[in-house]
C-alpha atoms as a PDB file:
ATOM      1  CA  MET A   1     -20.927  19.664   3.863  1.00  0.00           C
ATOM      2  CA  ILE A   2     -17.797  20.718   2.088  1.00  0.00           C
ATOM      3  CA  SER A   3     -17.930  23.649  -0.409  1.00  0.00           C
ATOM      4  CA  THR A   4     -17.227  22.758  -4.019  1.00  0.00           C
ATOM      5  CA  ASP A   5     -15.820  26.364  -4.769  1.00  0.00           C
ATOM      6  CA  LYS A   6     -12.418  26.400  -6.227  1.00  0.00           C
ATOM      7  CA  VAL A   7      -9.782  27.656  -3.769  1.00  0.00           C
ATOM      8  CA  GLU A   8      -7.324  30.086  -5.362  1.00  0.00           C
ATOM      9  CA  HIS A   9      -4.202  29.205  -3.304  1.00  0.00           C
ATOM     10  CA  SER A  10      -2.170  26.815  -5.319  1.00  0.00           C
ATOM     11  CA  VAL A  11       1.582  27.335  -5.592  1.00  0.00           C
ATOM     12  CA  TYR A  12       0.966  27.487  -9.273  1.00  0.00           C
ATOM     13  CA  THR A  13      -0.948  30.166 -11.139  1.00  0.00           C
ATOM     14  CA  ILE A  14      -1.583  30.464 -14.838  1.00  0.00           C
ATOM     15  CA  ASN A  15      -2.552  34.098 -14.756  1.00  0.00           C
ATOM     16  CA  LYS A  16       1.073  35.144 -14.866  1.00  0.00           C
ATOM     17  CA  LYS A  17       2.891  35.583 -18.118  1.00  0.00           C
ATOM     18  CA  LEU A  18       4.425  32.203 -18.970  1.00  0.00           C
ATOM     19  CA  ILE A  19       8.129  32.118 -19.532  1.00  0.00           C
ATOM     20  CA  LYS A  20       8.489  29.164 -21.822  1.00  0.00           C
ATOM     21  CA  PHE A  21      11.646  27.083 -21.622  1.00  0.00           C
ATOM     22  CA  LYS A  22      13.088  26.262 -25.023  1.00  0.00           C
ATOM     23  CA  ASN A  23      13.198  22.577 -23.897  1.00  0.00           C
ATOM     24  CA  VAL A  24      13.046  20.512 -20.797  1.00  0.00           C
ATOM     25  CA  ASN A  25      16.805  20.218 -20.667  1.00  0.00           C
ATOM     26  CA  ASP A  26      17.095  23.819 -19.654  1.00  0.00           C
ATOM     27  CA  PHE A  27      16.416  22.397 -16.023  1.00  0.00           C
ATOM     28  CA  ASN A  28      19.080  23.187 -13.518  1.00  0.00           C
ATOM     29  CA  ILE A  29      18.614  21.447 -10.217  1.00  0.00           C
ATOM     30  CA  GLU A  30      20.278  24.225  -8.252  1.00  0.00           C
ATOM     31  CA  THR A  31      18.341  27.112  -9.792  1.00  0.00           C
ATOM     32  CA  SER A  32      15.102  26.036 -11.275  1.00  0.00           C
ATOM     33  CA  PHE A  33      13.246  26.275  -8.113  1.00  0.00           C
ATOM     34  CA  ASN A  34      14.192  29.908  -7.396  1.00  0.00           C
ATOM     35  CA  ASP A  35      11.204  31.180  -9.450  1.00  0.00           C
ATOM     36  CA  ASP A  36       8.146  29.604 -10.985  1.00  0.00           C
ATOM     37  CA  SER A  37       9.095  29.748 -14.604  1.00  0.00           C
ATOM     38  CA  TYR A  38       9.917  26.077 -14.889  1.00  0.00           C
ATOM     39  CA  GLN A  39       6.819  25.068 -12.945  1.00  0.00           C
ATOM     40  CA  LEU A  40       4.750  27.226 -15.266  1.00  0.00           C
ATOM     41  CA  SER A  41       6.342  25.717 -18.320  1.00  0.00           C
ATOM     42  CA  PHE A  42       5.288  22.311 -16.925  1.00  0.00           C
ATOM     43  CA  LEU A  43       1.650  23.353 -16.520  1.00  0.00           C
ATOM     44  CA  ASN A  44       1.708  25.063 -19.942  1.00  0.00           C
ATOM     45  CA  ALA A  45       2.819  21.749 -21.619  1.00  0.00           C
ATOM     46  CA  PHE A  46       0.087  19.900 -19.723  1.00  0.00           C
ATOM     47  CA  GLN A  47      -2.631  22.366 -20.749  1.00  0.00           C
ATOM     48  CA  ASN A  48      -1.518  22.091 -24.393  1.00  0.00           C
ATOM     49  CA  THR A  49      -1.486  18.251 -24.181  1.00  0.00           C
ATOM     50  CA  ASN A  50       2.151  18.031 -24.898  1.00  0.00           C
ATOM     51  CA  TYR A  51       2.202  15.163 -22.464  1.00  0.00           C
ATOM     52  CA  ASN A  52       5.668  13.780 -23.155  1.00  0.00           C
ATOM     53  CA  GLU A  53       7.204  17.200 -22.519  1.00  0.00           C
ATOM     54  CA  ALA A  54       5.102  17.751 -19.536  1.00  0.00           C
ATOM     55  CA  ILE A  55       6.057  14.326 -17.950  1.00  0.00           C
ATOM     56  CA  ALA A  56       9.788  15.295 -18.445  1.00  0.00           C
ATOM     57  CA  PHE A  57       9.227  18.672 -16.719  1.00  0.00           C
ATOM     58  CA  GLY A  58       7.221  17.041 -13.879  1.00  0.00           C
ATOM     59  CA  GLU A  59       9.843  14.404 -13.251  1.00  0.00           C
ATOM     60  CA  ASN A  60      12.518  17.026 -13.058  1.00  0.00           C
ATOM     61  CA  LEU A  61      10.476  19.037 -10.602  1.00  0.00           C
ATOM     62  CA  LEU A  62      10.238  16.093  -8.355  1.00  0.00           C
ATOM     63  CA  LYS A  63      14.039  16.030  -8.082  1.00  0.00           C
ATOM     64  CA  ILE A  64      13.705  19.155  -6.041  1.00  0.00           C
ATOM     65  CA  PRO A  65      16.743  19.187  -3.595  1.00  0.00           C
ATOM     66  CA  ASP A  66      16.330  18.632   0.203  1.00  0.00           C
ATOM     67  CA  SER A  67      17.828  22.041   0.842  1.00  0.00           C
ATOM     68  CA  TYR A  68      14.387  23.478  -0.355  1.00  0.00           C
ATOM     69  CA  ALA A  69      12.417  21.281   2.041  1.00  0.00           C
ATOM     70  CA  ARG A  70      11.854  23.922   4.699  1.00  0.00           C
ATOM     71  CA  ASN A  71      10.265  26.343   2.319  1.00  0.00           C
ATOM     72  CA  TRP A  72       6.502  26.859   2.911  1.00  0.00           C
ATOM     73  CA  TRP A  73       5.822  26.153  -0.822  1.00  0.00           C
ATOM     74  CA  TYR A  74       7.726  22.779  -0.960  1.00  0.00           C
ATOM     75  CA  GLY A  75       4.715  20.798  -0.074  1.00  0.00           C
ATOM     76  CA  ASN A  76       2.493  22.619  -2.542  1.00  0.00           C
ATOM     77  CA  LEU A  77       5.010  22.228  -5.380  1.00  0.00           C
ATOM     78  CA  THR A  78       5.577  18.477  -4.923  1.00  0.00           C
ATOM     79  CA  HIS A  79       1.767  17.797  -4.205  1.00  0.00           C
ATOM     80  CA  THR A  80       0.591  19.713  -7.276  1.00  0.00           C
ATOM     81  CA  THR A  81       3.318  18.141  -9.523  1.00  0.00           C
ATOM     82  CA  ASN A  82       2.311  14.640  -8.588  1.00  0.00           C
ATOM     83  CA  ILE A  83      -1.384  15.508  -9.214  1.00  0.00           C
ATOM     84  CA  VAL A  84      -0.750  16.875 -12.642  1.00  0.00           C
ATOM     85  CA  LEU A  85       1.494  13.845 -13.589  1.00  0.00           C
ATOM     86  CA  GLY A  86      -1.334  11.631 -12.445  1.00  0.00           C
ATOM     87  CA  LYS A  87      -3.811  13.526 -14.623  1.00  0.00           C
ATOM     88  CA  ILE A  88      -1.494  13.101 -17.611  1.00  0.00           C
ATOM     89  CA  TYR A  89      -1.204   9.313 -17.181  1.00  0.00           C
ATOM     90  CA  LEU A  90      -5.010   8.981 -16.725  1.00  0.00           C
ATOM     91  CA  ALA A  91      -5.597  10.917 -19.919  1.00  0.00           C
ATOM     92  CA  GLN A  92      -3.219   8.468 -21.655  1.00  0.00           C
ATOM     93  CA  GLY A  93      -5.255   5.526 -20.203  1.00  0.00           C
ATOM     94  CA  ASN A  94      -2.573   4.362 -17.707  1.00  0.00           C
ATOM     95  CA  ILE A  95      -4.827   4.043 -14.555  1.00  0.00           C
ATOM     96  CA  LYS A  96      -2.155   2.342 -12.447  1.00  0.00           C
ATOM     97  CA  LYS A  97       0.354   5.246 -12.880  1.00  0.00           C
ATOM     98  CA  ALA A  98      -2.478   7.755 -12.273  1.00  0.00           C
ATOM     99  CA  GLU A  99      -3.168   6.032  -8.977  1.00  0.00           C
ATOM    100  CA  MET A 100       0.536   5.866  -8.049  1.00  0.00           C
ATOM    101  CA  TYR A 101       0.893   9.622  -8.486  1.00  0.00           C
ATOM    102  CA  LEU A 102      -2.359  10.313  -6.565  1.00  0.00           C
ATOM    103  CA  LEU A 103      -0.855   8.536  -3.541  1.00  0.00           C
ATOM    104  CA  ALA A 104       2.562  10.023  -4.053  1.00  0.00           C
ATOM    105  CA  SER A 105       0.970  13.484  -3.895  1.00  0.00           C
ATOM    106  CA  VAL A 106       0.205  12.929  -0.200  1.00  0.00           C
ATOM    107  CA  GLN A 107       3.321  11.210   0.885  1.00  0.00           C
ATOM    108  CA  GLU A 108       4.576  12.453   4.062  1.00  0.00           C
ATOM    109  CA  LYS A 109       8.030  13.140   2.828  1.00  0.00           C
ATOM    110  CA  TYR A 110       6.594  15.815   0.580  1.00  0.00           C
ATOM    111  CA  ILE A 111       4.280  17.378   3.162  1.00  0.00           C
ATOM    112  CA  LEU A 112       6.009  17.197   6.444  1.00  0.00           C
ATOM    113  CA  ASN A 113       9.496  18.315   7.392  1.00  0.00           C
ATOM    114  CA  SER A 114      12.053  16.500   9.668  1.00  0.00           C
ATOM    115  CA  THR A 115      10.367  17.747  12.749  1.00  0.00           C
ATOM    116  CA  ASN A 116       6.973  16.585  11.669  1.00  0.00           C
ATOM    117  CA  LYS A 117       5.566  20.097  11.131  1.00  0.00           C
ATOM    118  CA  HIS A 118       3.432  20.883   8.158  1.00  0.00           C
ATOM    119  CA  LEU A 119       5.403  22.476   5.370  1.00  0.00           C
ATOM    120  CA  SER A 120       2.332  23.928   3.715  1.00  0.00           C
ATOM    121  CA  PRO A 121      -0.180  26.055   5.500  1.00  0.00           C
ATOM    122  CA  GLN A 122      -2.438  25.885   2.512  1.00  0.00           C
ATOM    123  CA  LEU A 123      -2.579  22.033   2.448  1.00  0.00           C
ATOM    124  CA  SER A 124      -3.091  21.891   6.218  1.00  0.00           C
ATOM    125  CA  THR A 125      -5.940  24.372   6.126  1.00  0.00           C
ATOM    126  CA  PHE A 126      -7.686  23.954   2.765  1.00  0.00           C
ATOM    127  CA  GLY A 127      -6.709  20.456   2.138  1.00  0.00           C
ATOM    128  CA  PRO A 128      -5.224  18.642  -0.967  1.00  0.00           C
ATOM    129  CA  ASP A 129      -6.112  18.987  -4.558  1.00  0.00           C
ATOM    130  CA  THR A 130      -8.890  16.487  -5.088  1.00  0.00           C
ATOM    131  CA  SER A 131      -9.448  16.747  -8.788  1.00  0.00           C
ATOM    132  CA  LEU A 132      -7.550  13.555  -9.658  1.00  0.00           C
ATOM    133  CA  ALA A 133      -9.337  11.674  -6.951  1.00  0.00           C
ATOM    134  CA  TYR A 134     -12.695  12.865  -8.482  1.00  0.00           C
ATOM    135  CA  ASP A 135     -11.430  11.658 -11.956  1.00  0.00           C
ATOM    136  CA  LEU A 136     -10.645   8.269 -10.502  1.00  0.00           C
ATOM    137  CA  PHE A 137     -13.916   8.206  -8.583  1.00  0.00           C
ATOM    138  CA  LEU A 138     -15.836   8.535 -11.942  1.00  0.00           C
ATOM    139  CA  ILE A 139     -14.207   5.360 -13.145  1.00  0.00           C
ATOM    140  CA  LYS A 140     -14.920   3.542  -9.793  1.00  0.00           C
ATOM    141  CA  ARG A 141     -11.472   3.359  -8.441  1.00  0.00           C
ATOM    142  CA  TYR A 142     -12.781   3.506  -4.815  1.00  0.00           C
ATOM    143  CA  ASP A 143     -10.007   1.736  -2.952  1.00  0.00           C
ATOM    144  CA  VAL A 144      -7.147   4.103  -4.032  1.00  0.00           C
ATOM    145  CA  ILE A 145      -9.434   7.064  -3.155  1.00  0.00           C
ATOM    146  CA  ILE A 146     -10.116   5.822   0.267  1.00  0.00           C
ATOM    147  CA  ASP A 147      -6.318   5.191   0.802  1.00  0.00           C
ATOM    148  CA  TYR A 148      -5.660   8.772  -0.521  1.00  0.00           C
ATOM    149  CA  PHE A 149      -8.017  10.389   2.076  1.00  0.00           C
ATOM    150  CA  LYS A 150      -6.684   8.336   4.893  1.00  0.00           C
ATOM    151  CA  ARG A 151      -3.196   9.574   4.112  1.00  0.00           C
ATOM    152  CA  THR A 152      -4.325  13.137   4.130  1.00  0.00           C
ATOM    153  CA  LYS A 153      -4.970  12.847   7.831  1.00  0.00           C
ATOM    154  CA  SER A 154      -1.240  13.341   8.471  1.00  0.00           C
ATOM    155  CA  PHE A 155      -1.337  16.992   7.244  1.00  0.00           C
ATOM    156  CA  TRP A 156      -4.957  18.226   6.573  1.00  0.00           C
ATOM    157  CA  VAL A 157      -5.562  19.510  10.001  1.00  0.00           C
ATOM    158  CA  SER A 158      -8.834  21.203   9.363  1.00  0.00           C
ATOM    159  CA  GLY A 159     -10.072  18.164   7.486  1.00  0.00           C
ATOM    160  CA  VAL A 160      -9.531  16.177  10.591  1.00  0.00           C
ATOM    161  CA  GLU A 161     -11.054  18.684  12.959  1.00  0.00           C
ATOM    162  CA  ASP A 162     -14.231  19.297  11.027  1.00  0.00           C
ATOM    163  CA  GLY A 163     -14.763  15.601   9.992  1.00  0.00           C
ATOM    164  CA  SER A 164     -14.285  16.241   6.179  1.00  0.00           C
ATOM    165  CA  ILE A 165     -11.840  13.353   5.751  1.00  0.00           C
ATOM    166  CA  ASP A 166     -13.896  10.832   7.649  1.00  0.00           C
ATOM    167  CA  GLU A 167     -17.007  12.029   5.718  1.00  0.00           C
ATOM    168  CA  ALA A 168     -15.210  11.660   2.350  1.00  0.00           C
ATOM    169  CA  ILE A 169     -14.066   8.090   3.342  1.00  0.00           C
ATOM    170  CA  TYR A 170     -17.518   7.075   4.425  1.00  0.00           C
ATOM    171  CA  ASN A 171     -19.195   8.323   1.361  1.00  0.00           C
ATOM    172  CA  VAL A 172     -16.793   6.588  -0.972  1.00  0.00           C
ATOM    173  CA  GLN A 173     -17.261   3.449   1.041  1.00  0.00           C
ATOM    174  CA  GLN A 174     -21.012   3.708   0.703  1.00  0.00           C
ATOM    175  CA  VAL A 175     -20.716   4.127  -3.051  1.00  0.00           C
ATOM    176  CA  LYS A 176     -18.394   1.102  -3.166  1.00  0.00           C
ATOM    177  CA  ASN A 177     -20.869  -0.880  -1.219  1.00  0.00           C
ATOM    178  CA  GLY A 178     -23.567  -0.168  -3.763  1.00  0.00           C
ATOM    179  CA  GLU A 179     -25.465   2.808  -2.466  1.00  0.00           C
ATOM    180  CA  GLU A 180     -26.989   4.691  -5.291  1.00  0.00           C
ATOM    181  CA  ILE A 181     -26.505   8.452  -5.513  1.00  0.00           C
ATOM    182  CA  GLY A 182     -27.248  10.933  -8.293  1.00  0.00           C
ATOM    183  CA  PRO A 183     -24.878  13.349 -10.092  1.00  0.00           C
ATOM    184  CA  ASN A 184     -26.074  16.280  -7.948  1.00  0.00           C
ATOM    185  CA  ASP A 185     -25.253  14.254  -4.783  1.00  0.00           C
ATOM    186  CA  ILE A 186     -21.826  13.661  -6.104  1.00  0.00           C
ATOM    187  CA  GLU A 187     -21.180  17.360  -6.553  1.00  0.00           C
ATOM    188  CA  SER A 188     -22.647  18.353  -3.171  1.00  0.00           C
ATOM    189  CA  ASP A 189     -21.675  15.435  -0.906  1.00  0.00           C
ATOM    190  CA  PHE A 190     -18.194  14.599  -2.147  1.00  0.00           C
ATOM    191  CA  PRO A 191     -15.277  16.800  -1.655  1.00  0.00           C
ATOM    192  CA  PHE A 192     -13.534  16.000  -4.968  1.00  0.00           C
ATOM    193  CA  LYS A 193     -14.062  19.142  -7.076  1.00  0.00           C
ATOM    194  CA  ARG A 194     -13.387  21.729  -4.367  1.00  0.00           C
ATOM    195  CA  ARG A 195      -9.922  22.380  -5.453  1.00  0.00           C
ATOM    196  CA  GLU A 196      -8.306  22.288  -8.823  1.00  0.00           C
ATOM    197  CA  VAL A 197      -4.750  23.084  -9.801  1.00  0.00           C
ATOM    198  CA  LEU A 198      -5.876  24.589 -13.202  1.00  0.00           C
ATOM    199  CA  ASP A 199      -8.640  26.595 -14.473  1.00  0.00           C
END
């Protein structure tokens, strides 16, 4: 069984003092990844439901240059940005875009470097942020969730080794096939709420 405790290892943290950018156009592709103030502004806009601003911040963050791709935090940054963008589109009722960003969050180009090594020790050990997958599970978008977990096999080493990924795929498939489960079973048997990017 997978713990549902939140893991405090995201590349983002909202416990720091936020340095608010005056506007999204303050972005500089050569310098905005040298500290986390731009990323924190993105999260701040999301938390305050300034969704258009948050989308603009997030789309800029995904323009991260290849020169940063060997940094350990690269996978975390791109993964979390895609998850938050998916949450925004889901909140706006755009399920297709939410699903698109869910799958983008586990694209190998974001997680693995050119020698096929894992860029993020956090993602390979603790696994991906599953909060958006959980949100989509609640509205019965089972196929995209199964696809999502299958894709995590390329980098979630511990999830392959301990069977967490296969268990998640099996459980979602069972629900899709009509097996009835209660709310408590969702919390205890499904690895969806175990890691959130935000408090």
